[in-house]
Amino acid sequence: MATDWAADVKKYAPNADDAVIASMVKTYQLVLSRQDSALVSFGDPEELATVRENFLKKKLGLTLSDEELDAAITEVGKQMKDGTRNTRIAVYYLLADKFGKLDTFTK
């Protein structure tokens, strides 16, 4: 699947850092290689729980309540509402940016 991940992110964050995007793509290349897992379905509670548990808690190390993390995911979903494809990289970038954790991908 040939996707311009940076263009997807920059639809929502025009000044997004290309190096951070490239690092995210490298980190999640296996997930991104399959079309179904390269996208986030905001209508699927199990998918949103995966984003919360595996990305926000495990990868970013956030310790906020599930309610606070879920609210952030919902906010990003609303931000991306106009898009036809909610790519995992765009969702992850926006969440990492929201929590000031983009440096997780520059270390």
PDB file of N, CA and C in Angstrom:
ATOM      1  N   MET A   1       0.843  -1.170   0.000  1.00  0.00           N
ATOM      2  CA  MET A   1       0.000   0.000   0.000  1.00  0.00           C
ATOM      3  C   MET A   1       0.893   1.239   0.000  1.00  0.00           C
ATOM      4  N   ALA A   2       0.886   1.964  -1.082  1.00  0.00           N
ATOM      5  CA  ALA A   2       1.699   3.166  -1.210  1.00  0.00           C
ATOM      6  C   ALA A   2       0.913   4.348  -0.663  1.00  0.00           C
ATOM      7  N   THR A   3       1.395   4.880   0.437  1.00  0.00           N
ATOM      8  CA  THR A   3       0.700   5.988   1.083  1.00  0.00           C
ATOM      9  C   THR A   3       1.705   7.073   1.413  1.00  0.00           C
ATOM     10  N   ASP A   4       1.327   8.302   1.199  1.00  0.00           N
ATOM     11  CA  ASP A   4       2.151   9.434   1.608  1.00  0.00           C
ATOM     12  C   ASP A   4       1.739   9.797   3.033  1.00  0.00           C
ATOM     13  N   TRP A   5       2.405   9.154   3.981  1.00  0.00           N
ATOM     14  CA  TRP A   5       2.041   9.318   5.387  1.00  0.00           C
ATOM     15  C   TRP A   5       2.175  10.769   5.821  1.00  0.00           C
ATOM     16  N   ALA A   6       3.218  11.447   5.363  1.00  0.00           N
ATOM     17  CA  ALA A   6       3.422  12.845   5.755  1.00  0.00           C
ATOM     18  C   ALA A   6       2.263  13.715   5.280  1.00  0.00           C
ATOM     19  N   ALA A   7       1.800  13.490   4.063  1.00  0.00           N
ATOM     20  CA  ALA A   7       0.667  14.266   3.541  1.00  0.00           C
ATOM     21  C   ALA A   7      -0.581  14.007   4.364  1.00  0.00           C
ATOM     22  N   ASP A   8      -0.788  12.756   4.788  1.00  0.00           N
ATOM     23  CA  ASP A   8      -1.944  12.430   5.628  1.00  0.00           C
ATOM     24  C   ASP A   8      -1.896  13.203   6.948  1.00  0.00           C
ATOM     25  N   VAL A   9      -0.725  13.231   7.568  1.00  0.00           N
ATOM     26  CA  VAL A   9      -0.576  13.934   8.844  1.00  0.00           C
ATOM     27  C   VAL A   9      -0.754  15.433   8.646  1.00  0.00           C
ATOM     28  N   LYS A  10      -0.165  15.966   7.582  1.00  0.00           N
ATOM     29  CA  LYS A  10      -0.160  17.419   7.374  1.00  0.00           C
ATOM     30  C   LYS A  10      -1.522  17.977   6.980  1.00  0.00           C
ATOM     31  N   LYS A  11      -2.482  17.112   6.663  1.00  0.00           N
ATOM     32  CA  LYS A  11      -3.853  17.589   6.463  1.00  0.00           C
ATOM     33  C   LYS A  11      -4.398  18.164   7.767  1.00  0.00           C
ATOM     34  N   TYR A  12      -3.933  17.623   8.883  1.00  0.00           N
ATOM     35  CA  TYR A  12      -4.435  18.008  10.197  1.00  0.00           C
ATOM     36  C   TYR A  12      -3.411  18.796  11.014  1.00  0.00           C
ATOM     37  N   ALA A  13      -2.155  18.633  10.699  1.00  0.00           N
ATOM     38  CA  ALA A  13      -1.074  19.341  11.399  1.00  0.00           C
ATOM     39  C   ALA A  13      -0.096  19.847  10.339  1.00  0.00           C
ATOM     40  N   PRO A  14      -0.415  20.984   9.711  1.00  0.00           N
ATOM     41  CA  PRO A  14       0.381  21.479   8.578  1.00  0.00           C
ATOM     42  C   PRO A  14       1.869  21.643   8.864  1.00  0.00           C
ATOM     43  N   ASN A  15       2.230  21.903  10.093  1.00  0.00           N
ATOM     44  CA  ASN A  15       3.641  22.096  10.435  1.00  0.00           C
ATOM     45  C   ASN A  15       4.266  20.845  11.047  1.00  0.00           C
ATOM     46  N   ALA A  16       3.690  19.700  10.767  1.00  0.00           N
ATOM     47  CA  ALA A  16       4.178  18.442  11.348  1.00  0.00           C
ATOM     48  C   ALA A  16       5.644  18.220  10.988  1.00  0.00           C
ATOM     49  N   ASP A  17       6.353  17.611  11.905  1.00  0.00           N
ATOM     50  CA  ASP A  17       7.778  17.340  11.772  1.00  0.00           C
ATOM     51  C   ASP A  17       7.985  16.073  10.931  1.00  0.00           C
ATOM     52  N   ASP A  18       8.628  16.234   9.778  1.00  0.00           N
ATOM     53  CA  ASP A  18       8.862  15.101   8.877  1.00  0.00           C
ATOM     54  C   ASP A  18       9.702  14.001   9.523  1.00  0.00           C
ATOM     55  N   ALA A  19      10.657  14.387  10.358  1.00  0.00           N
ATOM     56  CA  ALA A  19      11.512  13.388  11.014  1.00  0.00           C
ATOM     57  C   ALA A  19      10.689  12.536  11.988  1.00  0.00           C
ATOM     58  N   VAL A  20       9.765  13.162  12.691  1.00  0.00           N
ATOM     59  CA  VAL A  20       8.899  12.423  13.622  1.00  0.00           C
ATOM     60  C   VAL A  20       7.995  11.483  12.829  1.00  0.00           C
ATOM     61  N   ILE A  21       7.433  11.970  11.741  1.00  0.00           N
ATOM     62  CA  ILE A  21       6.570  11.118  10.908  1.00  0.00           C
ATOM     63  C   ILE A  21       7.355   9.927  10.396  1.00  0.00           C
ATOM     64  N   ALA A  22       8.558  10.167   9.901  1.00  0.00           N
ATOM     65  CA  ALA A  22       9.393   9.076   9.380  1.00  0.00           C
ATOM     66  C   ALA A  22       9.705   8.056  10.472  1.00  0.00           C
ATOM     67  N   SER A  23       9.977   8.532  11.672  1.00  0.00           N
ATOM     68  CA  SER A  23      10.257   7.630  12.787  1.00  0.00           C
ATOM     69  C   SER A  23       9.021   6.811  13.147  1.00  0.00           C
ATOM     70  N   MET A  24       7.854   7.438  13.123  1.00  0.00           N
ATOM     71  CA  MET A  24       6.610   6.715  13.410  1.00  0.00           C
ATOM     72  C   MET A  24       6.358   5.649  12.349  1.00  0.00           C
ATOM     73  N   VAL A  25       6.571   6.005  11.106  1.00  0.00           N
ATOM     74  CA  VAL A  25       6.363   5.047  10.015  1.00  0.00           C
ATOM     75  C   VAL A  25       7.308   3.854  10.191  1.00  0.00           C
ATOM     76  N   LYS A  26       8.548   4.121  10.550  1.00  0.00           N
ATOM     77  CA  LYS A  26       9.512   3.038  10.769  1.00  0.00           C
ATOM     78  C   LYS A  26       9.082   2.163  11.945  1.00  0.00           C
ATOM     79  N   THR A  27       8.641   2.798  13.024  1.00  0.00           N
ATOM     80  CA  THR A  27       8.217   2.069  14.217  1.00  0.00           C
ATOM     81  C   THR A  27       7.016   1.170  13.939  1.00  0.00           C
ATOM     82  N   TYR A  28       6.095   1.669  13.128  1.00  0.00           N
ATOM     83  CA  TYR A  28       4.836   0.946  12.900  1.00  0.00           C
ATOM     84  C   TYR A  28       4.725   0.359  11.496  1.00  0.00           C
ATOM     85  N   GLN A  29       5.855   0.134  10.835  1.00  0.00           N
ATOM     86  CA  GLN A  29       5.818  -0.332   9.446  1.00  0.00           C
ATOM     87  C   GLN A  29       5.067  -1.646   9.269  1.00  0.00           C
ATOM     88  N   LEU A  30       5.149  -2.554  10.209  1.00  0.00           N
ATOM     89  CA  LEU A  30       4.434  -3.821  10.081  1.00  0.00           C
ATOM     90  C   LEU A  30       2.922  -3.589  10.125  1.00  0.00           C
ATOM     91  N   VAL A  31       2.467  -2.786  11.061  1.00  0.00           N
ATOM     92  CA  VAL A  31       1.040  -2.471  11.186  1.00  0.00           C
ATOM     93  C   VAL A  31       0.558  -1.734   9.933  1.00  0.00           C
ATOM     94  N   LEU A  32       1.388  -0.846   9.421  1.00  0.00           N
ATOM     95  CA  LEU A  32       1.006  -0.043   8.261  1.00  0.00           C
ATOM     96  C   LEU A  32       0.995  -0.838   6.964  1.00  0.00           C
ATOM     97  N   SER A  33       1.626  -1.994   6.961  1.00  0.00           N
ATOM     98  CA  SER A  33       1.703  -2.793   5.733  1.00  0.00           C
ATOM     99  C   SER A  33       0.375  -3.470   5.385  1.00  0.00           C
ATOM    100  N   ARG A  34      -0.538  -3.517   6.346  1.00  0.00           N
ATOM    101  CA  ARG A  34      -1.859  -4.112   6.092  1.00  0.00           C
ATOM    102  C   ARG A  34      -2.910  -3.004   6.110  1.00  0.00           C
ATOM    103  N   GLN A  35      -3.710  -2.938   5.081  1.00  0.00           N
ATOM    104  CA  GLN A  35      -4.662  -1.852   4.936  1.00  0.00           C
ATOM    105  C   GLN A  35      -5.624  -1.744   6.116  1.00  0.00           C
ATOM    106  N   ASP A  36      -6.103  -2.878   6.613  1.00  0.00           N
ATOM    107  CA  ASP A  36      -7.067  -2.812   7.711  1.00  0.00           C
ATOM    108  C   ASP A  36      -6.455  -2.274   8.992  1.00  0.00           C
ATOM    109  N   SER A  37      -5.206  -2.601   9.270  1.00  0.00           N
ATOM    110  CA  SER A  37      -4.586  -2.112  10.506  1.00  0.00           C
ATOM    111  C   SER A  37      -3.897  -0.760  10.325  1.00  0.00           C
ATOM    112  N   ALA A  38      -3.763  -0.292   9.102  1.00  0.00           N
ATOM    113  CA  ALA A  38      -3.163   1.019   8.851  1.00  0.00           C
ATOM    114  C   ALA A  38      -4.141   2.149   9.132  1.00  0.00           C
ATOM    115  N   LEU A  39      -5.412   1.796   9.305  1.00  0.00           N
ATOM    116  CA  LEU A  39      -6.448   2.785   9.562  1.00  0.00           C
ATOM    117  C   LEU A  39      -7.013   2.599  10.965  1.00  0.00           C
ATOM    118  N   VAL A  40      -7.505   3.685  11.543  1.00  0.00           N
ATOM    119  CA  VAL A  40      -8.156   3.635  12.850  1.00  0.00           C
ATOM    120  C   VAL A  40      -9.641   3.873  12.645  1.00  0.00           C
ATOM    121  N   SER A  41     -10.443   2.963  13.162  1.00  0.00           N
ATOM    122  CA  SER A  41     -11.897   3.108  13.090  1.00  0.00           C
ATOM    123  C   SER A  41     -12.389   3.715  14.405  1.00  0.00           C
ATOM    124  N   PHE A  42     -12.792   4.981  14.346  1.00  0.00           N
ATOM    125  CA  PHE A  42     -13.266   5.644  15.564  1.00  0.00           C
ATOM    126  C   PHE A  42     -14.609   5.105  16.033  1.00  0.00           C
ATOM    127  N   GLY A  43     -15.276   4.311  15.200  1.00  0.00           N
ATOM    128  CA  GLY A  43     -16.555   3.727  15.575  1.00  0.00           C
ATOM    129  C   GLY A  43     -16.431   2.360  16.222  1.00  0.00           C
ATOM    130  N   ASP A  44     -15.199   1.859  16.375  1.00  0.00           N
ATOM    131  CA  ASP A  44     -14.963   0.525  16.925  1.00  0.00           C
ATOM    132  C   ASP A  44     -14.365   0.644  18.327  1.00  0.00           C
ATOM    133  N   PRO A  45     -15.147   0.341  19.367  1.00  0.00           N
ATOM    134  CA  PRO A  45     -14.648   0.471  20.744  1.00  0.00           C
ATOM    135  C   PRO A  45     -13.379  -0.350  21.019  1.00  0.00           C
ATOM    136  N   GLU A  46     -13.272  -1.529  20.412  1.00  0.00           N
ATOM    137  CA  GLU A  46     -12.078  -2.351  20.621  1.00  0.00           C
ATOM    138  C   GLU A  46     -10.849  -1.676  20.022  1.00  0.00           C
ATOM    139  N   GLU A  47     -11.017  -1.072  18.864  1.00  0.00           N
ATOM    140  CA  GLU A  47      -9.911  -0.360  18.218  1.00  0.00           C
ATOM    141  C   GLU A  47      -9.456   0.817  19.075  1.00  0.00           C
ATOM    142  N   LEU A  48     -10.412   1.549  19.611  1.00  0.00           N
ATOM    143  CA  LEU A  48     -10.078   2.707  20.440  1.00  0.00           C
ATOM    144  C   LEU A  48      -9.400   2.281  21.740  1.00  0.00           C
ATOM    145  N   ALA A  49      -9.802   1.149  22.284  1.00  0.00           N
ATOM    146  CA  ALA A  49      -9.140   0.618  23.479  1.00  0.00           C
ATOM    147  C   ALA A  49      -7.700   0.228  23.155  1.00  0.00           C
ATOM    148  N   THR A  50      -7.474  -0.297  21.971  1.00  0.00           N
ATOM    149  CA  THR A  50      -6.121  -0.648  21.532  1.00  0.00           C
ATOM    150  C   THR A  50      -5.258   0.600  21.417  1.00  0.00           C
ATOM    151  N   VAL A  51      -5.805   1.657  20.833  1.00  0.00           N
ATOM    152  CA  VAL A  51      -5.063   2.921  20.730  1.00  0.00           C
ATOM    153  C   VAL A  51      -4.720   3.425  22.126  1.00  0.00           C
ATOM    154  N   ARG A  52      -5.680   3.382  23.023  1.00  0.00           N
ATOM    155  CA  ARG A  52      -5.457   3.864  24.392  1.00  0.00           C
ATOM    156  C   ARG A  52      -4.388   3.024  25.102  1.00  0.00           C
ATOM    157  N   GLU A  53      -4.571   1.712  25.080  1.00  0.00           N
ATOM    158  CA  GLU A  53      -3.678   0.838  25.847  1.00  0.00           C
ATOM    159  C   GLU A  53      -2.283   0.716  25.234  1.00  0.00           C
ATOM    160  N   ASN A  54      -2.232   0.442  23.931  1.00  0.00           N
ATOM    161  CA  ASN A  54      -0.937   0.161  23.298  1.00  0.00           C
ATOM    162  C   ASN A  54      -0.162   1.406  22.894  1.00  0.00           C
ATOM    163  N   PHE A  55      -0.866   2.454  22.480  1.00  0.00           N
ATOM    164  CA  PHE A  55      -0.140   3.651  22.068  1.00  0.00           C
ATOM    165  C   PHE A  55      -0.013   4.664  23.202  1.00  0.00           C
ATOM    166  N   LEU A  56      -1.129   5.094  23.740  1.00  0.00           N
ATOM    167  CA  LEU A  56      -1.068   6.151  24.749  1.00  0.00           C
ATOM    168  C   LEU A  56      -0.408   5.698  26.048  1.00  0.00           C
ATOM    169  N   LYS A  57      -0.771   4.523  26.518  1.00  0.00           N
ATOM    170  CA  LYS A  57      -0.208   4.061  27.790  1.00  0.00           C
ATOM    171  C   LYS A  57       1.172   3.425  27.623  1.00  0.00           C
ATOM    172  N   LYS A  58       1.268   2.445  26.721  1.00  0.00           N
ATOM    173  CA  LYS A  58       2.533   1.712  26.597  1.00  0.00           C
ATOM    174  C   LYS A  58       3.602   2.522  25.875  1.00  0.00           C
ATOM    175  N   LYS A  59       3.291   3.025  24.694  1.00  0.00           N
ATOM    176  CA  LYS A  59       4.312   3.717  23.902  1.00  0.00           C
ATOM    177  C   LYS A  59       4.629   5.097  24.471  1.00  0.00           C
ATOM    178  N   LEU A  60       3.599   5.889  24.772  1.00  0.00           N
ATOM    179  CA  LEU A  60       3.840   7.246  25.262  1.00  0.00           C
ATOM    180  C   LEU A  60       4.021   7.314  26.778  1.00  0.00           C
ATOM    181  N   GLY A  61       3.656   6.241  27.481  1.00  0.00           N
ATOM    182  CA  GLY A  61       3.845   6.201  28.928  1.00  0.00           C
ATOM    183  C   GLY A  61       2.897   7.094  29.711  1.00  0.00           C
ATOM    184  N   LEU A  62       1.729   7.361  29.158  1.00  0.00           N
ATOM    185  CA  LEU A  62       0.767   8.229  29.836  1.00  0.00           C
ATOM    186  C   LEU A  62       0.076   7.478  30.974  1.00  0.00           C
ATOM    187  N   THR A  63      -0.193   8.196  32.053  1.00  0.00           N
ATOM    188  CA  THR A  63      -0.816   7.575  33.228  1.00  0.00           C
ATOM    189  C   THR A  63      -2.142   8.235  33.592  1.00  0.00           C
ATOM    190  N   LEU A  64      -2.697   9.011  32.683  1.00  0.00           N
ATOM    191  CA  LEU A  64      -4.001   9.629  32.919  1.00  0.00           C
ATOM    192  C   LEU A  64      -5.076   8.552  32.989  1.00  0.00           C
ATOM    193  N   SER A  65      -6.244   8.928  33.479  1.00  0.00           N
ATOM    194  CA  SER A  65      -7.345   7.970  33.562  1.00  0.00           C
ATOM    195  C   SER A  65      -7.808   7.561  32.163  1.00  0.00           C
ATOM    196  N   ASP A  66      -8.444   6.393  32.087  1.00  0.00           N
ATOM    197  CA  ASP A  66      -8.982   5.936  30.806  1.00  0.00           C
ATOM    198  C   ASP A  66      -9.956   6.967  30.235  1.00  0.00           C
ATOM    199  N   GLU A  67     -10.729   7.606  31.100  1.00  0.00           N
ATOM    200  CA  GLU A  67     -11.703   8.597  30.643  1.00  0.00           C
ATOM    201  C   GLU A  67     -11.006   9.778  29.972  1.00  0.00           C
ATOM    202  N   GLU A  68      -9.902  10.244  30.564  1.00  0.00           N
ATOM    203  CA  GLU A  68      -9.158  11.365  29.983  1.00  0.00           C
ATOM    204  C   GLU A  68      -8.516  10.974  28.653  1.00  0.00           C
ATOM    205  N   LEU A  69      -7.974   9.776  28.601  1.00  0.00           N
ATOM    206  CA  LEU A  69      -7.343   9.311  27.367  1.00  0.00           C
ATOM    207  C   LEU A  69      -8.386   9.093  26.277  1.00  0.00           C
ATOM    208  N   ASP A  70      -9.522   8.512  26.666  1.00  0.00           N
ATOM    209  CA  ASP A  70     -10.610   8.305  25.700  1.00  0.00           C
ATOM    210  C   ASP A  70     -11.124   9.644  25.163  1.00  0.00           C
ATOM    211  N   ALA A  71     -11.180  10.648  26.027  1.00  0.00           N
ATOM    212  CA  ALA A  71     -11.632  11.976  25.598  1.00  0.00           C
ATOM    213  C   ALA A  71     -10.674  12.554  24.562  1.00  0.00           C
ATOM    214  N   ALA A  72      -9.381  12.338  24.757  1.00  0.00           N
ATOM    215  CA  ALA A  72      -8.388  12.827  23.794  1.00  0.00           C
ATOM    216  C   ALA A  72      -8.540  12.111  22.452  1.00  0.00           C
ATOM    217  N   ILE A  73      -8.773  10.807  22.491  1.00  0.00           N
ATOM    218  CA  ILE A  73      -8.982  10.045  21.260  1.00  0.00           C
ATOM    219  C   ILE A  73     -10.227  10.555  20.546  1.00  0.00           C
ATOM    220  N   THR A  74     -11.287  10.801  21.300  1.00  0.00           N
ATOM    221  CA  THR A  74     -12.522  11.325  20.716  1.00  0.00           C
ATOM    222  C   THR A  74     -12.285  12.695  20.082  1.00  0.00           C
ATOM    223  N   GLU A  75     -11.507  13.524  20.752  1.00  0.00           N
ATOM    224  CA  GLU A  75     -11.200  14.860  20.224  1.00  0.00           C
ATOM    225  C   GLU A  75     -10.448  14.759  18.893  1.00  0.00           C
ATOM    226  N   VAL A  76      -9.477  13.867  18.819  1.00  0.00           N
ATOM    227  CA  VAL A  76      -8.743  13.668  17.567  1.00  0.00           C
ATOM    228  C   VAL A  76      -9.687  13.140  16.490  1.00  0.00           C
ATOM    229  N   GLY A  77     -10.575  12.238  16.867  1.00  0.00           N
ATOM    230  CA  GLY A  77     -11.558  11.727  15.913  1.00  0.00           C
ATOM    231  C   GLY A  77     -12.418  12.833  15.339  1.00  0.00           C
ATOM    232  N   LYS A  78     -12.821  13.773  16.184  1.00  0.00           N
ATOM    233  CA  LYS A  78     -13.620  14.911  15.710  1.00  0.00           C
ATOM    234  C   LYS A  78     -12.792  15.806  14.803  1.00  0.00           C
ATOM    235  N   GLN A  79     -11.526  15.979  15.138  1.00  0.00           N
ATOM    236  CA  GLN A  79     -10.626  16.793  14.316  1.00  0.00           C
ATOM    237  C   GLN A  79     -10.472  16.193  12.923  1.00  0.00           C
ATOM    238  N   MET A  80     -10.486  14.860  12.853  1.00  0.00           N
ATOM    239  CA  MET A  80     -10.280  14.156  11.584  1.00  0.00           C
ATOM    240  C   MET A  80     -11.593  13.807  10.883  1.00  0.00           C
ATOM    241  N   LYS A  81     -12.683  14.267  11.413  1.00  0.00           N
ATOM    242  CA  LYS A  81     -14.011  13.900  10.923  1.00  0.00           C
ATOM    243  C   LYS A  81     -14.195  14.160   9.429  1.00  0.00           C
ATOM    244  N   ASP A  82     -13.564  15.199   8.909  1.00  0.00           N
ATOM    245  CA  ASP A  82     -13.725  15.548   7.497  1.00  0.00           C
ATOM    246  C   ASP A  82     -12.978  14.601   6.559  1.00  0.00           C
ATOM    247  N   GLY A  83     -12.056  13.836   7.083  1.00  0.00           N
ATOM    248  CA  GLY A  83     -11.259  12.930   6.253  1.00  0.00           C
ATOM    249  C   GLY A  83     -12.002  11.659   5.914  1.00  0.00           C
ATOM    250  N   THR A  84     -11.607  11.045   4.826  1.00  0.00           N
ATOM    251  CA  THR A  84     -12.232   9.786   4.449  1.00  0.00           C
ATOM    252  C   THR A  84     -11.443   8.602   4.994  1.00  0.00           C
ATOM    253  N   ARG A  85     -10.168   8.839   5.291  1.00  0.00           N
ATOM    254  CA  ARG A  85      -9.310   7.780   5.825  1.00  0.00           C
ATOM    255  C   ARG A  85      -8.625   8.291   7.084  1.00  0.00           C
ATOM    256  N   ASN A  86      -8.815   7.601   8.153  1.00  0.00           N
ATOM    257  CA  ASN A  86      -8.162   7.966   9.408  1.00  0.00           C
ATOM    258  C   ASN A  86      -6.924   7.095   9.564  1.00  0.00           C
ATOM    259  N   THR A  87      -5.824   7.531   8.960  1.00  0.00           N
ATOM    260  CA  THR A  87      -4.623   6.708   9.010  1.00  0.00           C
ATOM    261  C   THR A  87      -4.052   6.668  10.423  1.00  0.00           C
ATOM    262  N   ARG A  88      -3.513   5.523  10.763  1.00  0.00           N
ATOM    263  CA  ARG A  88      -2.954   5.316  12.103  1.00  0.00           C
ATOM    264  C   ARG A  88      -1.852   6.334  12.378  1.00  0.00           C
ATOM    265  N   ILE A  89      -1.025   6.632  11.386  1.00  0.00           N
ATOM    266  CA  ILE A  89       0.070   7.576  11.596  1.00  0.00           C
ATOM    267  C   ILE A  89      -0.477   8.962  11.931  1.00  0.00           C
ATOM    268  N   ALA A  90      -1.503   9.411  11.227  1.00  0.00           N
ATOM    269  CA  ALA A  90      -2.085  10.725  11.521  1.00  0.00           C
ATOM    270  C   ALA A  90      -2.694  10.742  12.920  1.00  0.00           C
ATOM    271  N   VAL A  91      -3.423   9.702  13.268  1.00  0.00           N
ATOM    272  CA  VAL A  91      -4.038   9.620  14.597  1.00  0.00           C
ATOM    273  C   VAL A  91      -2.946   9.626  15.674  1.00  0.00           C
ATOM    274  N   TYR A  92      -1.936   8.801  15.503  1.00  0.00           N
ATOM    275  CA  TYR A  92      -0.864   8.725  16.490  1.00  0.00           C
ATOM    276  C   TYR A  92      -0.100  10.044  16.583  1.00  0.00           C
ATOM    277  N   TYR A  93       0.167  10.667  15.456  1.00  0.00           N
ATOM    278  CA  TYR A  93       0.888  11.945  15.477  1.00  0.00           C
ATOM    279  C   TYR A  93       0.083  12.985  16.255  1.00  0.00           C
ATOM    280  N   LEU A  94      -1.197  13.106  15.944  1.00  0.00           N
ATOM    281  CA  LEU A  94      -2.031  14.100  16.613  1.00  0.00           C
ATOM    282  C   LEU A  94      -2.126  13.841  18.114  1.00  0.00           C
ATOM    283  N   LEU A  95      -2.228  12.574  18.489  1.00  0.00           N
ATOM    284  CA  LEU A  95      -2.279  12.251  19.917  1.00  0.00           C
ATOM    285  C   LEU A  95      -0.945  12.549  20.607  1.00  0.00           C
ATOM    286  N   ALA A  96       0.153  12.163  19.983  1.00  0.00           N
ATOM    287  CA  ALA A  96       1.468  12.432  20.571  1.00  0.00           C
ATOM    288  C   ALA A  96       1.696  13.933  20.700  1.00  0.00           C
ATOM    289  N   ASP A  97       1.283  14.687  19.699  1.00  0.00           N
ATOM    290  CA  ASP A  97       1.413  16.139  19.737  1.00  0.00           C
ATOM    291  C   ASP A  97       0.556  16.727  20.851  1.00  0.00           C
ATOM    292  N   LYS A  98      -0.660  16.245  20.973  1.00  0.00           N
ATOM    293  CA  LYS A  98      -1.592  16.736  21.996  1.00  0.00           C
ATOM    294  C   LYS A  98      -1.001  16.591  23.400  1.00  0.00           C
ATOM    295  N   PHE A  99      -0.299  15.490  23.631  1.00  0.00           N
ATOM    296  CA  PHE A  99       0.253  15.225  24.957  1.00  0.00           C
ATOM    297  C   PHE A  99       1.716  15.656  25.088  1.00  0.00           C
ATOM    298  N   GLY A 100       2.257  16.359  24.089  1.00  0.00           N
ATOM    299  CA  GLY A 100       3.638  16.826  24.153  1.00  0.00           C
ATOM    300  C   GLY A 100       4.646  15.702  24.140  1.00  0.00           C
ATOM    301  N   LYS A 101       4.329  14.629  23.425  1.00  0.00           N
ATOM    302  CA  LYS A 101       5.171  13.438  23.423  1.00  0.00           C
ATOM    303  C   LYS A 101       5.803  13.129  22.055  1.00  0.00           C
ATOM    304  N   LEU A 102       5.872  14.107  21.168  1.00  0.00           N
ATOM    305  CA  LEU A 102       6.483  13.835  19.852  1.00  0.00           C
ATOM    306  C   LEU A 102       7.949  13.449  19.998  1.00  0.00           C
ATOM    307  N   ASP A 103       8.600  13.906  21.053  1.00  0.00           N
ATOM    308  CA  ASP A 103      10.006  13.566  21.254  1.00  0.00           C
ATOM    309  C   ASP A 103      10.219  12.077  21.497  1.00  0.00           C
ATOM    310  N   THR A 104       9.161  11.343  21.794  1.00  0.00           N
ATOM    311  CA  THR A 104       9.259   9.891  21.923  1.00  0.00           C
ATOM    312  C   THR A 104       9.802   9.279  20.643  1.00  0.00           C
ATOM    313  N   PHE A 105       9.542   9.934  19.524  1.00  0.00           N
ATOM    314  CA  PHE A 105       9.935   9.407  18.218  1.00  0.00           C
ATOM    315  C   PHE A 105      11.195  10.067  17.655  1.00  0.00           C
ATOM    316  N   THR A 106      11.892  10.845  18.465  1.00  0.00           N
ATOM    317  CA  THR A 106      13.129  11.466  17.996  1.00  0.00           C
ATOM    318  C   THR A 106      14.334  10.992  18.799  1.00  0.00           C
ATOM    319  N   LYS A 107      14.100  10.098  19.712  1.00  0.00           N
ATOM    320  CA  LYS A 107      15.189   9.594  20.574  1.00  0.00           C
ATOM    321  C   LYS A 107      15.950   8.485  19.893  1.00  0.00           C
TER     322      LYS A 107
END
